[in-house]
Amino acid sequence: MPDITYSYDTITASTLRTITDIAAQARGAAPVDPDACWAMARGAFRAWCELVGDAATEQDRATLEQLFEGIPLRDPSCLETAPGNWRPSPIVVLAPAAPR
């Protein structure tokens, strides 16, 4: 398997799309568990934090955190107790960075 490097912008854009899609699903009319959606979105956010590390900007962090606002939760304690399940999964899709 080739060694692939992902750019900060690629990782951030992918995470933004992922969390936006999950938040939209949680707010949608389809019968989904909003608490599970919140946990998935939180997991994607934690993955971003881990992948970009110290390169994370406050502006990008604030933008991603803002996406969580308004996700309807049945159990408000989910905000404090659900760490988010960060593991490789189909919801985090990254494209290779363009060669420089």
N, C-alpha and C. Protein backbone atom coordinates (compact mmCIF):
# COMPACT_ATOMS: atom_id res chain seq x y z
N MET A 1 0.85 -1.17 0.00
CA MET A 1 0.00 0.00 0.00
C MET A 1 0.90 1.24 0.00
N PRO A 2 0.63 2.18 -0.89
CA PRO A 2 1.48 3.37 -0.96
C PRO A 2 1.29 4.26 0.27
N ASP A 3 2.35 4.97 0.60
CA ASP A 3 2.29 5.92 1.71
C ASP A 3 1.60 7.18 1.20
N ILE A 4 0.42 7.49 1.73
CA ILE A 4 -0.37 8.63 1.27
C ILE A 4 -0.39 9.68 2.37
N THR A 5 -0.15 10.91 1.99
CA THR A 5 -0.20 12.03 2.93
C THR A 5 -1.42 12.87 2.61
N TYR A 6 -2.13 13.26 3.64
CA TYR A 6 -3.31 14.10 3.48
C TYR A 6 -2.99 15.50 3.99
N SER A 7 -3.44 16.49 3.27
CA SER A 7 -3.19 17.87 3.67
C SER A 7 -4.18 18.30 4.76
N TYR A 8 -3.80 19.33 5.48
CA TYR A 8 -4.68 19.90 6.51
C TYR A 8 -6.01 20.30 5.89
N ASP A 9 -5.95 20.98 4.74
CA ASP A 9 -7.18 21.45 4.09
C ASP A 9 -8.07 20.29 3.66
N THR A 10 -7.47 19.21 3.17
CA THR A 10 -8.25 18.03 2.75
C THR A 10 -8.94 17.39 3.95
N ILE A 11 -8.20 17.22 5.03
CA ILE A 11 -8.77 16.61 6.24
C ILE A 11 -9.89 17.49 6.80
N THR A 12 -9.66 18.78 6.84
CA THR A 12 -10.65 19.71 7.40
C THR A 12 -11.90 19.75 6.54
N ALA A 13 -11.74 19.81 5.22
CA ALA A 13 -12.89 19.85 4.32
C ALA A 13 -13.70 18.56 4.42
N SER A 14 -13.02 17.43 4.49
CA SER A 14 -13.71 16.15 4.61
C SER A 14 -14.50 16.07 5.92
N THR A 15 -13.88 16.52 7.00
CA THR A 15 -14.55 16.50 8.30
C THR A 15 -15.75 17.44 8.30
N LEU A 16 -15.60 18.60 7.70
CA LEU A 16 -16.70 19.56 7.60
C LEU A 16 -17.88 18.95 6.85
N ARG A 17 -17.61 18.30 5.72
CA ARG A 17 -18.69 17.65 4.95
C ARG A 17 -19.34 16.54 5.77
N THR A 18 -18.51 15.74 6.42
CA THR A 18 -19.03 14.61 7.19
C THR A 18 -19.95 15.08 8.32
N ILE A 19 -19.48 16.05 9.11
CA ILE A 19 -20.29 16.53 10.24
C ILE A 19 -21.54 17.26 9.75
N THR A 20 -21.42 18.01 8.66
CA THR A 20 -22.58 18.69 8.08
C THR A 20 -23.64 17.69 7.66
N ASP A 21 -23.22 16.61 7.00
CA ASP A 21 -24.16 15.57 6.55
C ASP A 21 -24.82 14.87 7.74
N ILE A 22 -24.04 14.55 8.76
CA ILE A 22 -24.59 13.88 9.93
C ILE A 22 -25.58 14.80 10.65
N ALA A 23 -25.22 16.08 10.80
CA ALA A 23 -26.11 17.03 11.48
C ALA A 23 -27.41 17.21 10.70
N ALA A 24 -27.31 17.26 9.37
CA ALA A 24 -28.51 17.39 8.54
C ALA A 24 -29.41 16.18 8.70
N GLN A 25 -28.80 15.00 8.77
CA GLN A 25 -29.58 13.78 8.97
C GLN A 25 -30.28 13.81 10.33
N ALA A 26 -29.58 14.28 11.36
CA ALA A 26 -30.17 14.33 12.71
C ALA A 26 -31.34 15.30 12.76
N ARG A 27 -31.29 16.35 11.95
CA ARG A 27 -32.36 17.36 11.96
C ARG A 27 -33.47 17.03 10.96
N GLY A 28 -33.25 16.01 10.14
CA GLY A 28 -34.19 15.69 9.07
C GLY A 28 -35.45 15.00 9.55
N ALA A 29 -36.32 14.73 8.58
CA ALA A 29 -37.61 14.12 8.88
C ALA A 29 -37.52 12.61 9.04
N ALA A 30 -36.44 12.02 8.53
CA ALA A 30 -36.31 10.56 8.61
C ALA A 30 -36.16 10.13 10.06
N PRO A 31 -36.72 8.97 10.40
CA PRO A 31 -36.63 8.51 11.78
C PRO A 31 -35.22 7.98 12.10
N VAL A 32 -34.38 8.85 12.65
CA VAL A 32 -33.04 8.46 13.05
C VAL A 32 -32.86 8.77 14.53
N ASP A 33 -31.89 8.14 15.13
CA ASP A 33 -31.59 8.41 16.54
C ASP A 33 -30.64 9.61 16.60
N PRO A 34 -31.13 10.77 17.02
CA PRO A 34 -30.27 11.96 17.03
C PRO A 34 -29.08 11.81 17.98
N ASP A 35 -29.24 11.03 19.05
CA ASP A 35 -28.12 10.83 19.97
C ASP A 35 -27.00 10.06 19.27
N ALA A 36 -27.36 9.08 18.46
CA ALA A 36 -26.35 8.33 17.70
C ALA A 36 -25.69 9.24 16.66
N CYS A 37 -26.47 10.10 16.04
CA CYS A 37 -25.90 11.06 15.07
C CYS A 37 -24.92 11.98 15.77
N TRP A 38 -25.29 12.45 16.96
CA TRP A 38 -24.40 13.33 17.70
C TRP A 38 -23.09 12.62 18.02
N ALA A 39 -23.19 11.36 18.44
CA ALA A 39 -21.99 10.59 18.77
C ALA A 39 -21.11 10.38 17.54
N MET A 40 -21.73 10.13 16.38
CA MET A 40 -20.95 9.98 15.14
C MET A 40 -20.27 11.29 14.77
N ALA A 41 -21.00 12.39 14.86
CA ALA A 41 -20.42 13.70 14.53
C ALA A 41 -19.28 14.02 15.51
N ARG A 42 -19.49 13.73 16.77
CA ARG A 42 -18.44 13.97 17.77
C ARG A 42 -17.22 13.11 17.47
N GLY A 43 -17.45 11.88 17.02
CA GLY A 43 -16.33 11.00 16.65
C GLY A 43 -15.55 11.56 15.47
N ALA A 44 -16.25 12.10 14.48
CA ALA A 44 -15.58 12.71 13.34
C ALA A 44 -14.77 13.92 13.79
N PHE A 45 -15.32 14.71 14.71
CA PHE A 45 -14.60 15.87 15.24
C PHE A 45 -13.34 15.44 15.98
N ARG A 46 -13.46 14.42 16.81
CA ARG A 46 -12.29 13.91 17.54
C ARG A 46 -11.24 13.38 16.58
N ALA A 47 -11.69 12.73 15.50
CA ALA A 47 -10.74 12.24 14.49
C ALA A 47 -9.98 13.40 13.87
N TRP A 48 -10.70 14.48 13.56
CA TRP A 48 -10.06 15.66 12.99
C TRP A 48 -9.01 16.21 13.97
N CYS A 49 -9.39 16.33 15.23
CA CYS A 49 -8.46 16.84 16.25
C CYS A 49 -7.19 15.99 16.30
N GLU A 50 -7.37 14.68 16.24
CA GLU A 50 -6.23 13.78 16.32
C GLU A 50 -5.38 13.82 15.06
N LEU A 51 -6.03 13.90 13.91
CA LEU A 51 -5.30 13.89 12.65
C LEU A 51 -4.51 15.17 12.40
N VAL A 52 -5.09 16.31 12.72
CA VAL A 52 -4.40 17.57 12.44
C VAL A 52 -3.54 18.04 13.61
N GLY A 53 -3.82 17.56 14.80
CA GLY A 53 -2.99 17.88 15.96
C GLY A 53 -2.85 19.37 16.21
N ASP A 54 -1.61 19.79 16.43
CA ASP A 54 -1.33 21.19 16.76
C ASP A 54 -1.57 22.15 15.61
N ALA A 55 -1.74 21.63 14.41
CA ALA A 55 -1.99 22.50 13.25
C ALA A 55 -3.41 23.06 13.26
N ALA A 56 -4.28 22.51 14.09
CA ALA A 56 -5.68 22.95 14.14
C ALA A 56 -5.77 24.43 14.46
N THR A 57 -6.52 25.15 13.65
CA THR A 57 -6.71 26.58 13.92
C THR A 57 -7.97 26.76 14.77
N GLU A 58 -7.99 27.82 15.54
CA GLU A 58 -9.16 28.10 16.38
C GLU A 58 -10.40 28.36 15.51
N GLN A 59 -10.19 28.99 14.37
CA GLN A 59 -11.32 29.28 13.47
C GLN A 59 -11.93 27.99 12.94
N ASP A 60 -11.10 27.05 12.50
CA ASP A 60 -11.62 25.77 12.00
C ASP A 60 -12.29 24.99 13.12
N ARG A 61 -11.68 24.99 14.29
CA ARG A 61 -12.27 24.28 15.43
C ARG A 61 -13.65 24.86 15.76
N ALA A 62 -13.75 26.18 15.79
CA ALA A 62 -15.03 26.84 16.10
C ALA A 62 -16.07 26.54 15.04
N THR A 63 -15.66 26.53 13.77
CA THR A 63 -16.60 26.22 12.68
C THR A 63 -17.15 24.82 12.84
N LEU A 64 -16.28 23.85 13.11
CA LEU A 64 -16.72 22.47 13.27
C LEU A 64 -17.61 22.31 14.50
N GLU A 65 -17.23 22.95 15.60
CA GLU A 65 -18.04 22.84 16.82
C GLU A 65 -19.42 23.47 16.63
N GLN A 66 -19.50 24.52 15.84
CA GLN A 66 -20.78 25.20 15.61
C GLN A 66 -21.78 24.27 14.92
N LEU A 67 -21.30 23.32 14.15
CA LEU A 67 -22.20 22.40 13.45
C LEU A 67 -23.01 21.54 14.42
N PHE A 68 -22.50 21.38 15.65
CA PHE A 68 -23.21 20.57 16.64
C PHE A 68 -24.42 21.30 17.21
N GLU A 69 -24.42 22.63 17.14
CA GLU A 69 -25.52 23.40 17.71
C GLU A 69 -26.83 23.05 17.00
N GLY A 70 -27.83 22.79 17.76
CA GLY A 70 -29.13 22.52 17.18
C GLY A 70 -29.40 21.06 16.86
N ILE A 71 -28.40 20.18 17.06
CA ILE A 71 -28.70 18.76 16.86
C ILE A 71 -29.65 18.36 18.00
N PRO A 72 -30.84 17.90 17.65
CA PRO A 72 -31.80 17.56 18.70
C PRO A 72 -31.37 16.30 19.45
N LEU A 73 -31.32 16.36 20.75
CA LEU A 73 -30.94 15.20 21.54
C LEU A 73 -32.11 14.75 22.39
N ARG A 74 -32.37 13.45 22.41
CA ARG A 74 -33.39 12.92 23.31
C ARG A 74 -32.86 12.89 24.73
N ASP A 75 -31.57 12.58 24.86
CA ASP A 75 -30.94 12.48 26.17
C ASP A 75 -29.82 13.52 26.27
N PRO A 76 -30.09 14.68 26.88
CA PRO A 76 -29.09 15.75 26.96
C PRO A 76 -27.79 15.33 27.64
N SER A 77 -27.82 14.28 28.46
CA SER A 77 -26.58 13.84 29.10
C SER A 77 -25.60 13.29 28.08
N CYS A 78 -26.07 13.02 26.87
CA CYS A 78 -25.22 12.55 25.78
C CYS A 78 -24.09 13.56 25.53
N LEU A 79 -24.38 14.84 25.76
CA LEU A 79 -23.37 15.88 25.54
C LEU A 79 -22.15 15.66 26.42
N GLU A 80 -22.36 15.13 27.60
CA GLU A 80 -21.26 14.96 28.54
C GLU A 80 -20.68 13.56 28.52
N THR A 81 -21.49 12.56 28.20
CA THR A 81 -21.04 11.18 28.36
C THR A 81 -20.60 10.50 27.08
N ALA A 82 -21.04 10.97 25.92
CA ALA A 82 -20.69 10.30 24.67
C ALA A 82 -19.39 10.87 24.12
N PRO A 83 -18.31 10.11 24.18
CA PRO A 83 -17.04 10.62 23.70
C PRO A 83 -16.95 10.63 22.19
N GLY A 84 -17.83 9.93 21.53
CA GLY A 84 -17.73 9.82 20.08
C GLY A 84 -16.89 8.60 19.73
N ASN A 85 -17.37 7.82 18.82
CA ASN A 85 -16.67 6.60 18.45
C ASN A 85 -15.75 6.87 17.27
N TRP A 86 -14.54 7.25 17.53
CA TRP A 86 -13.58 7.53 16.47
C TRP A 86 -12.84 6.25 16.14
N ARG A 87 -13.07 5.78 14.96
CA ARG A 87 -12.35 4.64 14.41
C ARG A 87 -12.53 4.74 12.90
N PRO A 88 -11.64 4.14 12.13
CA PRO A 88 -11.80 4.22 10.68
C PRO A 88 -13.17 3.68 10.27
N SER A 89 -13.88 4.44 9.50
CA SER A 89 -15.20 4.02 9.05
C SER A 89 -15.55 4.74 7.77
N PRO A 90 -16.62 4.31 7.09
CA PRO A 90 -17.00 4.94 5.83
C PRO A 90 -17.43 6.40 5.98
N ILE A 91 -17.71 6.88 7.19
CA ILE A 91 -18.16 8.26 7.30
C ILE A 91 -17.02 9.26 7.23
N VAL A 92 -15.78 8.81 7.43
CA VAL A 92 -14.63 9.70 7.29
C VAL A 92 -13.93 9.32 6.00
N VAL A 93 -14.17 10.09 4.97
CA VAL A 93 -13.62 9.79 3.65
C VAL A 93 -12.64 10.90 3.29
N LEU A 94 -11.40 10.52 3.06
CA LEU A 94 -10.37 11.50 2.73
C LEU A 94 -9.84 11.23 1.33
N ALA A 95 -9.47 12.28 0.64
CA ALA A 95 -8.84 12.16 -0.67
C ALA A 95 -7.36 12.49 -0.50
N PRO A 96 -6.48 11.83 -1.27
CA PRO A 96 -5.06 12.13 -1.15
C PRO A 96 -4.78 13.59 -1.48
N ALA A 97 -3.79 14.13 -0.81
CA ALA A 97 -3.38 15.51 -1.08
C ALA A 97 -2.72 15.57 -2.45
N ALA A 98 -2.90 16.67 -3.12
CA ALA A 98 -2.27 16.85 -4.43
C ALA A 98 -0.76 16.94 -4.23
N PRO A 99 0.00 16.28 -5.10
CA PRO A 99 1.47 16.36 -4.98
C PRO A 99 1.94 17.79 -5.12
N ARG A 100 2.96 18.12 -4.40
CA ARG A 100 3.50 19.49 -4.46
C ARG A 100 4.73 19.54 -5.31
